[in-house]
C-alpha atoms as a PDB file:
ATOM      1  CA  MET A   1     141.839  51.691  61.876  1.00  0.00           C
ATOM      2  CA  GLU A   2     139.101  50.969  64.438  1.00  0.00           C
ATOM      3  CA  PRO A   3     139.661  52.753  67.781  1.00  0.00           C
ATOM      4  CA  PHE A   4     141.275  50.070  69.932  1.00  0.00           C
ATOM      5  CA  TYR A   5     141.012  51.525  73.439  1.00  0.00           C
ATOM      6  CA  ARG A   6     137.517  52.918  72.953  1.00  0.00           C
ATOM      7  CA  THR A   7     136.221  49.495  71.920  1.00  0.00           C
ATOM      8  CA  ILE A   8     137.791  47.760  74.927  1.00  0.00           C
ATOM      9  CA  PHE A   9     136.520  50.348  77.401  1.00  0.00           C
ATOM     10  CA  LYS A  10     133.043  50.213  75.872  1.00  0.00           C
ATOM     11  CA  ARG A  11     132.917  46.419  76.108  1.00  0.00           C
ATOM     12  CA  ALA A  12     134.121  46.530  79.721  1.00  0.00           C
ATOM     13  CA  TRP A  13     131.523  49.211  80.529  1.00  0.00           C
ATOM     14  CA  ASN A  14     128.702  47.102  79.063  1.00  0.00           C
ATOM     15  CA  ILE A  15     129.806  44.041  81.023  1.00  0.00           C
ATOM     16  CA  SER A  16     130.274  45.770  84.390  1.00  0.00           C
ATOM     17  CA  TRP A  17     127.111  47.890  84.156  1.00  0.00           C
ATOM     18  CA  LYS A  18     124.653  45.313  82.796  1.00  0.00           C
ATOM     19  CA  HIS A  19     125.728  42.515  85.157  1.00  0.00           C
ATOM     20  CA  LYS A  20     125.599  44.168  88.566  1.00  0.00           C
ATOM     21  CA  TRP A  21     126.267  40.914  90.401  1.00  0.00           C
ATOM     22  CA  LEU A  22     129.885  41.473  89.346  1.00  0.00           C
ATOM     23  CA  TRP A  23     129.980  44.335  91.853  1.00  0.00           C
ATOM     24  CA  PHE A  24     130.010  41.793  94.682  1.00  0.00           C
ATOM     25  CA  PHE A  25     133.237  40.395  93.265  1.00  0.00           C
ATOM     26  CA  GLY A  26     134.454  43.933  92.644  1.00  0.00           C
ATOM     27  CA  PHE A  27     133.999  44.841  96.307  1.00  0.00           C
ATOM     28  CA  PHE A  28     136.210  42.028  97.587  1.00  0.00           C
ATOM     29  CA  ALA A  29     138.694  42.203  94.699  1.00  0.00           C
ATOM     30  CA  THR A  30     139.373  45.798  95.766  1.00  0.00           C
ATOM     31  CA  PHE A  31     141.161  44.442  98.837  1.00  0.00           C
ATOM     32  CA  LEU A  32     143.912  43.071  96.571  1.00  0.00           C
ATOM     33  CA  GLY A  33     144.916  46.635  95.721  1.00  0.00           C
ATOM     34  CA  ASN A  34     148.408  47.851  96.640  1.00  0.00           C
ATOM     35  CA  GLY A  35     147.460  51.231  98.088  1.00  0.00           C
ATOM     36  CA  THR A  36     148.442  50.572 101.686  1.00  0.00           C
ATOM     37  CA  PHE A  37     151.527  48.658 100.580  1.00  0.00           C
ATOM     38  CA  TYR A  38     152.870  51.561  98.548  1.00  0.00           C
ATOM     39  CA  GLU A  39     151.982  53.939 101.373  1.00  0.00           C
ATOM     40  CA  ALA A  40     154.281  51.856 103.571  1.00  0.00           C
ATOM     41  CA  ILE A  41     156.972  52.101 100.881  1.00  0.00           C
ATOM     42  CA  ALA A  42     156.628  55.876 100.770  1.00  0.00           C
ATOM     43  CA  ARG A  43     156.917  56.078 104.563  1.00  0.00           C
ATOM     44  CA  SER A  44     160.032  53.883 104.533  1.00  0.00           C
ATOM     45  CA  PHE A  45     161.813  56.058 101.990  1.00  0.00           C
ATOM     46  CA  SER A  46     160.580  59.182 103.733  1.00  0.00           C
ATOM     47  CA  HIS A  47     162.361  58.062 106.887  1.00  0.00           C
ATOM     48  CA  MET A  48     165.539  57.323 104.952  1.00  0.00           C
ATOM     49  CA  SER A  49     165.425  60.696 103.220  1.00  0.00           C
ATOM     50  CA  GLU A  50     165.524  62.204 106.717  1.00  0.00           C
ATOM     51  CA  GLY A  51     168.702  60.282 107.452  1.00  0.00           C
ATOM     52  CA  ARG A  52     167.170  57.355 109.345  1.00  0.00           C
ATOM     53  CA  SER A  53     168.348  53.847 108.594  1.00  0.00           C
ATOM     54  CA  ILE A  54     166.317  50.903 107.360  1.00  0.00           C
ATOM     55  CA  TYR A  55     166.613  49.387 110.820  1.00  0.00           C
ATOM     56  CA  TYR A  56     164.793  52.383 112.292  1.00  0.00           C
ATOM     57  CA  THR A  57     162.018  51.995 109.729  1.00  0.00           C
ATOM     58  CA  LEU A  58     161.572  48.275 110.351  1.00  0.00           C
ATOM     59  CA  ARG A  59     161.646  48.814 114.114  1.00  0.00           C
ATOM     60  CA  GLU A  60     158.945  51.459 113.785  1.00  0.00           C
ATOM     61  CA  TYR A  61     156.648  49.055 111.935  1.00  0.00           C
ATOM     62  CA  VAL A  62     157.298  46.317 114.470  1.00  0.00           C
ATOM     63  CA  ASN A  63     156.394  48.684 117.310  1.00  0.00           C
ATOM     64  CA  THR A  64     153.132  49.839 115.728  1.00  0.00           C
ATOM     65  CA  GLY A  65     149.761  48.312 114.894  1.00  0.00           C
ATOM     66  CA  ILE A  66     148.987  44.713 115.650  1.00  0.00           C
ATOM     67  CA  PHE A  67     152.598  43.918 116.628  1.00  0.00           C
ATOM     68  CA  SER A  68     152.452  46.367 119.540  1.00  0.00           C
ATOM     69  CA  THR A  69     148.898  45.390 120.507  1.00  0.00           C
ATOM     70  CA  PHE A  70     149.635  41.668 120.625  1.00  0.00           C
ATOM     71  CA  SER A  71     153.358  41.646 121.433  1.00  0.00           C
ATOM     72  CA  TRP A  72     154.791  38.484 122.931  1.00  0.00           C
ATOM     73  CA  SER A  73     155.898  40.286 126.100  1.00  0.00           C
ATOM     74  CA  LYS A  74     152.376  41.600 126.712  1.00  0.00           C
ATOM     75  CA  MET A  75     150.847  38.194 126.018  1.00  0.00           C
ATOM     76  CA  LEU A  76     153.283  36.515 128.421  1.00  0.00           C
ATOM     77  CA  ASP A  77     152.539  39.126 131.073  1.00  0.00           C
ATOM     78  CA  LEU A  78     148.791  38.597 130.627  1.00  0.00           C
ATOM     79  CA  TRP A  79     149.200  34.822 130.787  1.00  0.00           C
ATOM     80  CA  GLN A  80     150.998  35.104 134.130  1.00  0.00           C
ATOM     81  CA  LYS A  81     148.813  37.786 135.752  1.00  0.00           C
ATOM     82  CA  ASP A  82     145.403  37.775 134.079  1.00  0.00           C
ATOM     83  CA  ASN A  83     144.098  34.538 132.584  1.00  0.00           C
ATOM     84  CA  VAL A  84     140.825  36.150 131.529  1.00  0.00           C
ATOM     85  CA  GLY A  85     142.645  38.984 129.752  1.00  0.00           C
ATOM     86  CA  PHE A  86     144.978  36.479 128.091  1.00  0.00           C
ATOM     87  CA  GLY A  87     142.070  34.363 126.859  1.00  0.00           C
ATOM     88  CA  LEU A  88     140.242  37.443 125.580  1.00  0.00           C
ATOM     89  CA  SER A  89     143.361  38.646 123.732  1.00  0.00           C
ATOM     90  CA  VAL A  90     143.862  35.243 122.104  1.00  0.00           C
ATOM     91  CA  PHE A  91     140.174  35.161 121.145  1.00  0.00           C
ATOM     92  CA  VAL A  92     140.351  38.648 119.581  1.00  0.00           C
ATOM     93  CA  MET A  93     143.543  37.698 117.733  1.00  0.00           C
ATOM     94  CA  LEU A  94     141.937  34.544 116.340  1.00  0.00           C
ATOM     95  CA  ILE A  95     138.847  36.511 115.272  1.00  0.00           C
ATOM     96  CA  LEU A  96     141.034  39.075 113.476  1.00  0.00           C
ATOM     97  CA  LEU A  97     143.050  36.328 111.775  1.00  0.00           C
ATOM     98  CA  ALA A  98     139.845  34.560 110.710  1.00  0.00           C
ATOM     99  CA  LEU A  99     138.425  37.804 109.300  1.00  0.00           C
ATOM    100  CA  ALA A 100     141.676  38.538 107.458  1.00  0.00           C
ATOM    101  CA  ALA A 101     141.766  34.997 106.034  1.00  0.00           C
ATOM    102  CA  THR A 102     138.117  35.268 104.935  1.00  0.00           C
ATOM    103  CA  VAL A 103     138.730  38.597 103.198  1.00  0.00           C
ATOM    104  CA  ILE A 104     141.841  37.241 101.435  1.00  0.00           C
ATOM    105  CA  ILE A 105     139.981  34.126 100.259  1.00  0.00           C
ATOM    106  CA  LEU A 106     137.009  36.144  98.995  1.00  0.00           C
ATOM    107  CA  ALA A 107     139.357  38.659  97.343  1.00  0.00           C
ATOM    108  CA  ILE A 108     141.195  35.956  95.381  1.00  0.00           C
ATOM    109  CA  VAL A 109     137.976  34.134  94.469  1.00  0.00           C
ATOM    110  CA  SER A 110     136.428  37.442  93.369  1.00  0.00           C
ATOM    111  CA  GLN A 111     139.426  38.352  91.230  1.00  0.00           C
ATOM    112  CA  VAL A 112     139.310  34.992  89.457  1.00  0.00           C
ATOM    113  CA  GLY A 113     135.527  35.194  89.085  1.00  0.00           C
ATOM    114  CA  LEU A 114     135.769  38.656  87.537  1.00  0.00           C
ATOM    115  CA  VAL A 115     138.446  37.654  85.028  1.00  0.00           C
ATOM    116  CA  ARG A 116     136.541  34.570  83.880  1.00  0.00           C
ATOM    117  CA  SER A 117     133.153  36.291  83.890  1.00  0.00           C
ATOM    118  CA  ALA A 118     134.426  39.285  81.921  1.00  0.00           C
ATOM    119  CA  ILE A 119     135.711  37.097  79.088  1.00  0.00           C
ATOM    120  CA  GLY A 120     132.705  34.777  79.146  1.00  0.00           C
ATOM    121  CA  LEU A 121     130.212  37.654  79.058  1.00  0.00           C
ATOM    122  CA  ASP A 122     132.253  39.454  76.404  1.00  0.00           C
ATOM    123  CA  GLU A 123     131.939  36.342  74.244  1.00  0.00           C
ATOM    124  CA  HIS A 124     128.153  36.333  74.920  1.00  0.00           C
ATOM    125  CA  LYS A 125     128.304  33.130  76.941  1.00  0.00           C
ATOM    126  CA  LYS A 126     125.832  32.409  79.722  1.00  0.00           C
ATOM    127  CA  ILE A 127     127.577  32.752  83.060  1.00  0.00           C
ATOM    128  CA  GLY A 128     126.089  33.546  86.455  1.00  0.00           C
ATOM    129  CA  PHE A 129     127.217  34.353  89.971  1.00  0.00           C
ATOM    130  CA  LYS A 130     127.299  30.744  91.177  1.00  0.00           C
ATOM    131  CA  GLN A 131     129.333  29.533  88.199  1.00  0.00           C
ATOM    132  CA  ALA A 132     131.799  32.431  88.528  1.00  0.00           C
ATOM    133  CA  PHE A 133     132.187  31.757  92.256  1.00  0.00           C
ATOM    134  CA  HIS A 134     132.901  28.057  91.658  1.00  0.00           C
ATOM    135  CA  LEU A 135     135.521  28.978  89.051  1.00  0.00           C
ATOM    136  CA  GLY A 136     137.106  31.311  91.602  1.00  0.00           C
ATOM    137  CA  VAL A 137     137.284  28.526  94.170  1.00  0.00           C
ATOM    138  CA  GLU A 138     138.737  26.140  91.580  1.00  0.00           C
ATOM    139  CA  LYS A 139     141.601  28.496  90.695  1.00  0.00           C
ATOM    140  CA  PHE A 140     142.112  29.872  94.209  1.00  0.00           C
ATOM    141  CA  TRP A 141     145.421  28.220  95.115  1.00  0.00           C
ATOM    142  CA  PRO A 142     147.345  28.981  91.889  1.00  0.00           C
ATOM    143  CA  VAL A 143     146.256  32.643  91.926  1.00  0.00           C
ATOM    144  CA  PHE A 144     146.930  32.903  95.660  1.00  0.00           C
ATOM    145  CA  GLY A 145     150.405  31.438  95.148  1.00  0.00           C
ATOM    146  CA  MET A 146     151.091  33.849  92.293  1.00  0.00           C
ATOM    147  CA  ASN A 147     150.055  36.814  94.470  1.00  0.00           C
ATOM    148  CA  VAL A 148     152.311  35.600  97.276  1.00  0.00           C
ATOM    149  CA  VAL A 149     155.265  35.265  94.882  1.00  0.00           C
ATOM    150  CA  THR A 150     154.830  38.755  93.388  1.00  0.00           C
ATOM    151  CA  ARG A 151     154.401  40.398  96.789  1.00  0.00           C
ATOM    152  CA  VAL A 152     157.419  38.604  98.246  1.00  0.00           C
ATOM    153  CA  VAL A 153     159.493  39.721  95.244  1.00  0.00           C
ATOM    154  CA  MET A 154     158.258  43.295  95.648  1.00  0.00           C
ATOM    155  CA  PHE A 155     158.949  43.284  99.376  1.00  0.00           C
ATOM    156  CA  GLY A 156     162.424  41.878  98.727  1.00  0.00           C
ATOM    157  CA  ILE A 157     163.138  44.693  96.256  1.00  0.00           C
ATOM    158  CA  VAL A 158     161.939  47.243  98.822  1.00  0.00           C
ATOM    159  CA  LEU A 159     164.190  45.809 101.527  1.00  0.00           C
ATOM    160  CA  PHE A 160     167.187  45.590  99.194  1.00  0.00           C
ATOM    161  CA  LEU A 161     166.860  49.178  97.954  1.00  0.00           C
ATOM    162  CA  ALA A 162     166.162  50.430 101.464  1.00  0.00           C
ATOM    163  CA  PHE A 163     169.242  48.621 102.785  1.00  0.00           C
ATOM    164  CA  VAL A 164     171.482  49.946  99.990  1.00  0.00           C
ATOM    165  CA  VAL A 165     170.246  53.518 100.422  1.00  0.00           C
ATOM    166  CA  SER A 166     170.585  53.423 104.205  1.00  0.00           C
ATOM    167  CA  MET A 167     174.173  52.174 103.857  1.00  0.00           C
ATOM    168  CA  LEU A 168     175.098  54.863 101.302  1.00  0.00           C
ATOM    169  CA  LEU A 169     173.581  57.819 103.147  1.00  0.00           C
ATOM    170  CA  VAL A 170     176.173  60.471 103.944  1.00  0.00           C
ATOM    171  CA  ASN A 171     176.104  63.898 105.519  1.00  0.00           C
ATOM    172  CA  ALA A 172     175.891  65.772 102.205  1.00  0.00           C
ATOM    173  CA  ASN A 173     172.200  66.525 101.786  1.00  0.00           C
ATOM    174  CA  TRP A 174     172.243  66.725  97.983  1.00  0.00           C
ATOM    175  CA  ILE A 175     173.669  63.193  97.715  1.00  0.00           C
ATOM    176  CA  ASN A 176     170.949  61.937 100.056  1.00  0.00           C
ATOM    177  CA  TYR A 177     168.269  63.468  97.855  1.00  0.00           C
ATOM    178  CA  ILE A 178     169.804  61.961  94.700  1.00  0.00           C
ATOM    179  CA  LEU A 179     169.885  58.529  96.335  1.00  0.00           C
ATOM    180  CA  TYR A 180     166.304  58.977  97.488  1.00  0.00           C
ATOM    181  CA  ILE A 181     165.050  60.004  94.035  1.00  0.00           C
ATOM    182  CA  VAL A 182     166.952  57.235  92.203  1.00  0.00           C
ATOM    183  CA  SER A 183     165.704  54.608  94.663  1.00  0.00           C
ATOM    184  CA  PHE A 184     162.142  55.850  94.389  1.00  0.00           C
ATOM    185  CA  ILE A 185     162.291  55.730  90.571  1.00  0.00           C
ATOM    186  CA  LEU A 186     163.704  52.195  90.635  1.00  0.00           C
ATOM    187  CA  LEU A 187     161.021  51.153  93.101  1.00  0.00           C
ATOM    188  CA  LEU A 188     158.314  52.743  90.974  1.00  0.00           C
ATOM    189  CA  ILE A 189     159.543  50.901  87.860  1.00  0.00           C
ATOM    190  CA  ALA A 190     159.663  47.605  89.767  1.00  0.00           C
ATOM    191  CA  GLY A 191     156.163  48.218  91.124  1.00  0.00           C
ATOM    192  CA  ILE A 192     154.766  48.947  87.661  1.00  0.00           C
ATOM    193  CA  ILE A 193     156.361  45.818  86.173  1.00  0.00           C
ATOM    194  CA  ILE A 194     155.137  43.574  88.993  1.00  0.00           C
ATOM    195  CA  TYR A 195     151.654  45.104  88.764  1.00  0.00           C
ATOM    196  CA  PHE A 196     151.289  44.277  85.065  1.00  0.00           C
ATOM    197  CA  VAL A 197     152.938  40.874  85.398  1.00  0.00           C
ATOM    198  CA  SER A 198     150.486  40.019  88.209  1.00  0.00           C
ATOM    199  CA  ILE A 199     147.516  41.021  86.053  1.00  0.00           C
ATOM    200  CA  TYR A 200     148.565  38.935  83.061  1.00  0.00           C
ATOM    201  CA  ALA A 201     149.795  36.004  85.162  1.00  0.00           C
ATOM    202  CA  THR A 202     146.333  35.822  86.742  1.00  0.00           C
ATOM    203  CA  ALA A 203     144.795  35.810  83.261  1.00  0.00           C
ATOM    204  CA  PHE A 204     147.127  33.016  82.104  1.00  0.00           C
ATOM    205  CA  ILE A 205     146.219  30.924  85.171  1.00  0.00           C
ATOM    206  CA  VAL A 206     142.469  31.506  84.845  1.00  0.00           C
ATOM    207  CA  LEU A 207     141.986  31.622  81.068  1.00  0.00           C
ATOM    208  CA  ARG A 208     144.850  29.440  79.789  1.00  0.00           C
ATOM    209  CA  HIS A 209     145.103  27.035  82.768  1.00  0.00           C
ATOM    210  CA  LYS A 210     148.880  27.508  83.124  1.00  0.00           C
ATOM    211  CA  ASN A 211     150.844  26.891  86.316  1.00  0.00           C
ATOM    212  CA  ILE A 212     152.363  29.713  88.379  1.00  0.00           C
ATOM    213  CA  ARG A 213     155.876  29.580  86.898  1.00  0.00           C
ATOM    214  CA  THR A 214     154.703  29.385  83.281  1.00  0.00           C
ATOM    215  CA  SER A 215     152.119  32.124  83.850  1.00  0.00           C
ATOM    216  CA  LEU A 216     154.710  34.508  85.289  1.00  0.00           C
ATOM    217  CA  ILE A 217     157.096  33.860  82.377  1.00  0.00           C
ATOM    218  CA  TYR A 218     154.372  34.331  79.759  1.00  0.00           C
ATOM    219  CA  ALA A 219     153.062  37.412  81.578  1.00  0.00           C
ATOM    220  CA  TRP A 220     156.529  38.979  81.561  1.00  0.00           C
ATOM    221  CA  HIS A 221     156.884  38.431  77.803  1.00  0.00           C
ATOM    222  CA  LEU A 222     153.388  39.801  77.160  1.00  0.00           C
ATOM    223  CA  PHE A 223     154.177  42.926  79.168  1.00  0.00           C
ATOM    224  CA  LYS A 224     157.645  43.327  77.627  1.00  0.00           C
ATOM    225  CA  ASN A 225     156.276  43.134  74.088  1.00  0.00           C
ATOM    226  CA  ASN A 226     153.545  45.716  74.797  1.00  0.00           C
ATOM    227  CA  VAL A 227     155.115  48.093  77.318  1.00  0.00           C
ATOM    228  CA  LEU A 228     153.848  51.321  75.775  1.00  0.00           C
ATOM    229  CA  LEU A 229     150.331  49.991  75.251  1.00  0.00           C
ATOM    230  CA  ASN A 230     150.125  48.771  78.866  1.00  0.00           C
ATOM    231  CA  LEU A 231     151.309  52.123  80.191  1.00  0.00           C
ATOM    232  CA  GLU A 232     148.747  53.942  78.050  1.00  0.00           C
ATOM    233  CA  VAL A 233     145.871  51.784  79.310  1.00  0.00           C
ATOM    234  CA  GLY A 234     147.132  52.082  82.878  1.00  0.00           C
ATOM    235  CA  PHE A 235     147.272  55.875  82.571  1.00  0.00           C
ATOM    236  CA  LEU A 236     143.744  56.013  81.122  1.00  0.00           C
ATOM    237  CA  LEU A 237     142.416  53.866  83.970  1.00  0.00           C
ATOM    238  CA  PHE A 238     144.239  56.083  86.474  1.00  0.00           C
ATOM    239  CA  VAL A 239     142.555  59.187  85.034  1.00  0.00           C
ATOM    240  CA  ILE A 240     139.168  57.440  84.955  1.00  0.00           C
ATOM    241  CA  ASN A 241     139.683  56.373  88.567  1.00  0.00           C
ATOM    242  CA  ILE A 242     140.203  59.995  89.632  1.00  0.00           C
ATOM    243  CA  LEU A 243     137.190  61.202  87.627  1.00  0.00           C
ATOM    244  CA  VAL A 244     134.967  58.417  88.983  1.00  0.00           C
ATOM    245  CA  GLY A 245     136.060  59.207  92.544  1.00  0.00           C
ATOM    246  CA  MET A 246     135.249  62.894  92.089  1.00  0.00           C
ATOM    247  CA  ALA A 247     131.910  62.047  90.461  1.00  0.00           C
ATOM    248  CA  ALA A 248     131.037  59.673  93.319  1.00  0.00           C
ATOM    249  CA  VAL A 249     131.706  62.348  95.944  1.00  0.00           C
ATOM    250  CA  ILE A 250     129.685  64.954  94.004  1.00  0.00           C
ATOM    251  CA  LEU A 251     126.841  62.462  93.511  1.00  0.00           C
ATOM    252  CA  ALA A 252     126.859  61.543  97.199  1.00  0.00           C
ATOM    253  CA  VAL A 253     126.784  65.192  98.293  1.00  0.00           C
ATOM    254  CA  PHE A 254     124.011  66.002  95.803  1.00  0.00           C
ATOM    255  CA  ALA A 255     121.900  62.955  96.730  1.00  0.00           C
ATOM    256  CA  LEU A 256     122.304  63.584 100.458  1.00  0.00           C
ATOM    257  CA  SER A 257     121.945  67.374 100.296  1.00  0.00           C
ATOM    258  CA  PRO A 258     118.449  67.363 101.902  1.00  0.00           C
ATOM    259  CA  PHE A 259     119.795  65.375 104.866  1.00  0.00           C
ATOM    260  CA  ILE A 260     122.876  67.598 105.112  1.00  0.00           C
ATOM    261  CA  LEU A 261     120.767  70.786 105.044  1.00  0.00           C
ATOM    262  CA  LEU A 262     118.438  69.359 107.684  1.00  0.00           C
ATOM    263  CA  TYR A 263     121.454  68.427 109.814  1.00  0.00           C
ATOM    264  CA  LEU A 264     122.898  71.961 109.574  1.00  0.00           C
ATOM    265  CA  LEU A 265     119.489  73.454 110.350  1.00  0.00           C
ATOM    266  CA  MET A 266     119.135  71.293 113.459  1.00  0.00           C
ATOM    267  CA  ILE A 267     122.589  72.418 114.626  1.00  0.00           C
ATOM    268  CA  LEU A 268     121.691  76.105 114.103  1.00  0.00           C
ATOM    269  CA  LEU A 269     118.419  75.674 116.000  1.00  0.00           C
ATOM    270  CA  SER A 270     120.189  73.663 118.733  1.00  0.00           C
ATOM    271  CA  VAL A 271     117.861  70.708 118.236  1.00  0.00           C
ATOM    272  CA  ASP A 272     119.555  67.662 119.743  1.00  0.00           C
ATOM    273  CA  ALA A 273     116.736  65.145 119.296  1.00  0.00           C
ATOM    274  CA  GLY A 274     117.503  62.817 116.400  1.00  0.00           C
ATOM    275  CA  LEU A 275     120.744  64.627 115.519  1.00  0.00           C
ATOM    276  CA  TRP A 276     122.884  61.542 116.084  1.00  0.00           C
ATOM    277  CA  ILE A 277     120.524  59.356 114.030  1.00  0.00           C
ATOM    278  CA  LEU A 278     120.497  61.864 111.169  1.00  0.00           C
ATOM    279  CA  SER A 279     124.290  62.236 111.101  1.00  0.00           C
ATOM    280  CA  SER A 280     124.734  58.452 111.236  1.00  0.00           C
ATOM    281  CA  THR A 281     122.265  58.049 108.352  1.00  0.00           C
ATOM    282  CA  VAL A 282     124.174  60.575 106.229  1.00  0.00           C
ATOM    283  CA  ILE A 283     127.505  58.864 106.914  1.00  0.00           C
ATOM    284  CA  VAL A 284     126.140  55.367 106.224  1.00  0.00           C
ATOM    285  CA  LEU A 285     124.479  56.425 102.961  1.00  0.00           C
ATOM    286  CA  MET A 286     127.638  58.205 101.788  1.00  0.00           C
ATOM    287  CA  VAL A 287     129.749  55.140 102.580  1.00  0.00           C
ATOM    288  CA  VAL A 288     127.272  52.928 100.685  1.00  0.00           C
ATOM    289  CA  ILE A 289     127.451  55.185  97.608  1.00  0.00           C
ATOM    290  CA  LEU A 290     131.262  55.183  97.685  1.00  0.00           C
ATOM    291  CA  ILE A 291     131.409  51.394  98.181  1.00  0.00           C
ATOM    292  CA  LEU A 292     129.046  50.772  95.258  1.00  0.00           C
ATOM    293  CA  THR A 293     131.064  53.112  93.045  1.00  0.00           C
ATOM    294  CA  GLY A 294     134.354  51.485  94.044  1.00  0.00           C
ATOM    295  CA  SER A 295     132.944  47.987  93.531  1.00  0.00           C
ATOM    296  CA  TRP A 296     131.717  48.886  90.056  1.00  0.00           C
ATOM    297  CA  PHE A 297     135.028  50.484  89.102  1.00  0.00           C
ATOM    298  CA  THR A 298     137.020  47.432  90.219  1.00  0.00           C
ATOM    299  CA  ALA A 299     134.739  45.196  88.133  1.00  0.00           C
ATOM    300  CA  PHE A 300     135.150  47.589  85.202  1.00  0.00           C
ATOM    301  CA  GLN A 301     138.941  47.773  85.597  1.00  0.00           C
ATOM    302  CA  ILE A 302     139.442  44.007  85.778  1.00  0.00           C
ATOM    303  CA  SER A 303     137.141  43.624  82.764  1.00  0.00           C
ATOM    304  CA  VAL A 304     139.338  46.076  80.834  1.00  0.00           C
ATOM    305  CA  TRP A 305     142.522  44.158  81.663  1.00  0.00           C
ATOM    306  CA  SER A 306     140.900  40.788  80.893  1.00  0.00           C
ATOM    307  CA  ILE A 307     139.646  41.920  77.480  1.00  0.00           C
ATOM    308  CA  LEU A 308     143.003  43.576  76.763  1.00  0.00           C
ATOM    309  CA  PHE A 309     144.758  40.312  77.648  1.00  0.00           C
ATOM    310  CA  GLU A 310     142.703  38.421  75.068  1.00  0.00           C
ATOM    311  CA  GLU A 311     143.383  41.075  72.424  1.00  0.00           C
ATOM    312  CA  LEU A 312     147.135  41.025  73.104  1.00  0.00           C
ATOM    313  CA  ALA A 313     147.192  37.225  73.133  1.00  0.00           C
ATOM    314  CA  LEU A 314     145.681  37.338  69.638  1.00  0.00           C
ATOM    315  CA  ASN A 315     148.191  40.045  68.560  1.00  0.00           C
ATOM    316  CA  ARG A 316     145.417  42.565  67.982  1.00  0.00           C
ATOM    317  CA  GLY A 317     146.752  45.267  70.298  1.00  0.00           C
ATOM    318  CA  HIS A 318     148.388  48.455  69.040  1.00  0.00           C
ATOM    319  CA  SER A 319     149.689  51.395  71.044  1.00  0.00           C
ATOM    320  CA  LYS A 320     147.828  54.656  70.444  1.00  0.00           C
ATOM    321  CA  LEU A 321     151.081  56.625  70.326  1.00  0.00           C
ATOM    322  CA  ILE A 322     152.612  54.247  67.781  1.00  0.00           C
ATOM    323  CA  ARG A 323     149.441  54.392  65.674  1.00  0.00           C
ATOM    324  CA  LEU A 324     149.580  58.199  65.671  1.00  0.00           C
ATOM    325  CA  ILE A 325     153.249  58.145  64.649  1.00  0.00           C
ATOM    326  CA  GLU A 326     152.585  55.604  61.889  1.00  0.00           C
ATOM    327  CA  ARG A 327     149.678  57.715  60.682  1.00  0.00           C
ATOM    328  CA  ALA A 328     151.803  60.872  60.652  1.00  0.00           C
ATOM    329  CA  LEU A 329     154.885  59.351  58.988  1.00  0.00           C
ATOM    330  CA  PRO A 330     153.305  58.560  55.581  1.00  0.00           C
ATOM    331  CA  LYS A 331     151.985  62.123  55.382  1.00  0.00           C
ATOM    332  CA  HIS A 332     155.415  63.469  56.264  1.00  0.00           C
ATOM    333  CA  ARG A 333     157.114  61.295  53.642  1.00  0.00           C
ATOM    334  CA  LYS A 334     154.486  62.176  51.071  1.00  0.00           C
ATOM    335  CA  GLY A 335     155.076  65.867  51.758  1.00  0.00           C
ATOM    336  CA  ARG A 336     158.818  65.474  51.246  1.00  0.00           C
ATOM    337  CA  ARG A 337     158.314  63.627  47.964  1.00  0.00           C
ATOM    338  CA  THR A 338     155.986  66.388  46.678  1.00  0.00           C
ATOM    339  CA  ARG A 339     158.568  69.013  47.470  1.00  0.00           C
ATOM    340  CA  ARG A 340     161.272  67.096  45.574  1.00  0.00           C
ATOM    341  CA  THR A 341     159.109  66.764  42.476  1.00  0.00           C
END
């Protein structure tokens, strides 16, 4: 049997490497990742494992970040005492909201553009940046709505589990740890399911022109019928992500080693002239290398999932583990028959 995963990864590699304009989409699509969201989940359950209630956790988030910077009490106080400060705060808030809205719009458009471009390029169709961008704009609202639905569901699960755990916490430490572990496992399972359903629902919206409800239902069935295969691909991408990250850091250090050595030499010789410019140059170049690597990997990853979606939709997907078992079973049965004869 032809290697299934290797073929998909090779096709995704060819698409993402040959068509570097996809990296623009990859950069913005990265912002749809759930890293910070799951960090917040971990912090919430960390607080509860220390015996703090869900109300403490929610209050902590309300009192931090943008909520504390632009709290209503502070805004009211500024409005009464300092009109200039109030106007400046409102202006900054509007700028931040506009930037956030722009990033969200570009992230959704980029995700749609990557999905459609990956399949089009895989089928050797002519597709360019402008066409992919227009397709992203066309499918923006359905994909945006689907992302809102999945995130609201995930947040609701987090709140429900957090509330249940906080209500069941008792003084016995071992029971607290059991509750914490069980809740974390349930949350992890829910996160994995929602992650895969979101991926395939996006593909159904973009490639099959389905509405949000139908896409979510079809995506659930596609995931449910190929659980093991999805987990295998997800694990492979996770490992590749780690390896690519390590390679990017090593590449950045190697490429910038002359600048780094010059910087260290200037520090040893107490030469201050140009030190700030040199250090800024090193930092900027390293950030650029990491951004380019991350943008490529996002384009590669979405290409993998898009191609996998098409293969599964055509019933051409087979789990590697199941293939190994099926390959081993005939040999095992053949061996038993030989012994009997």
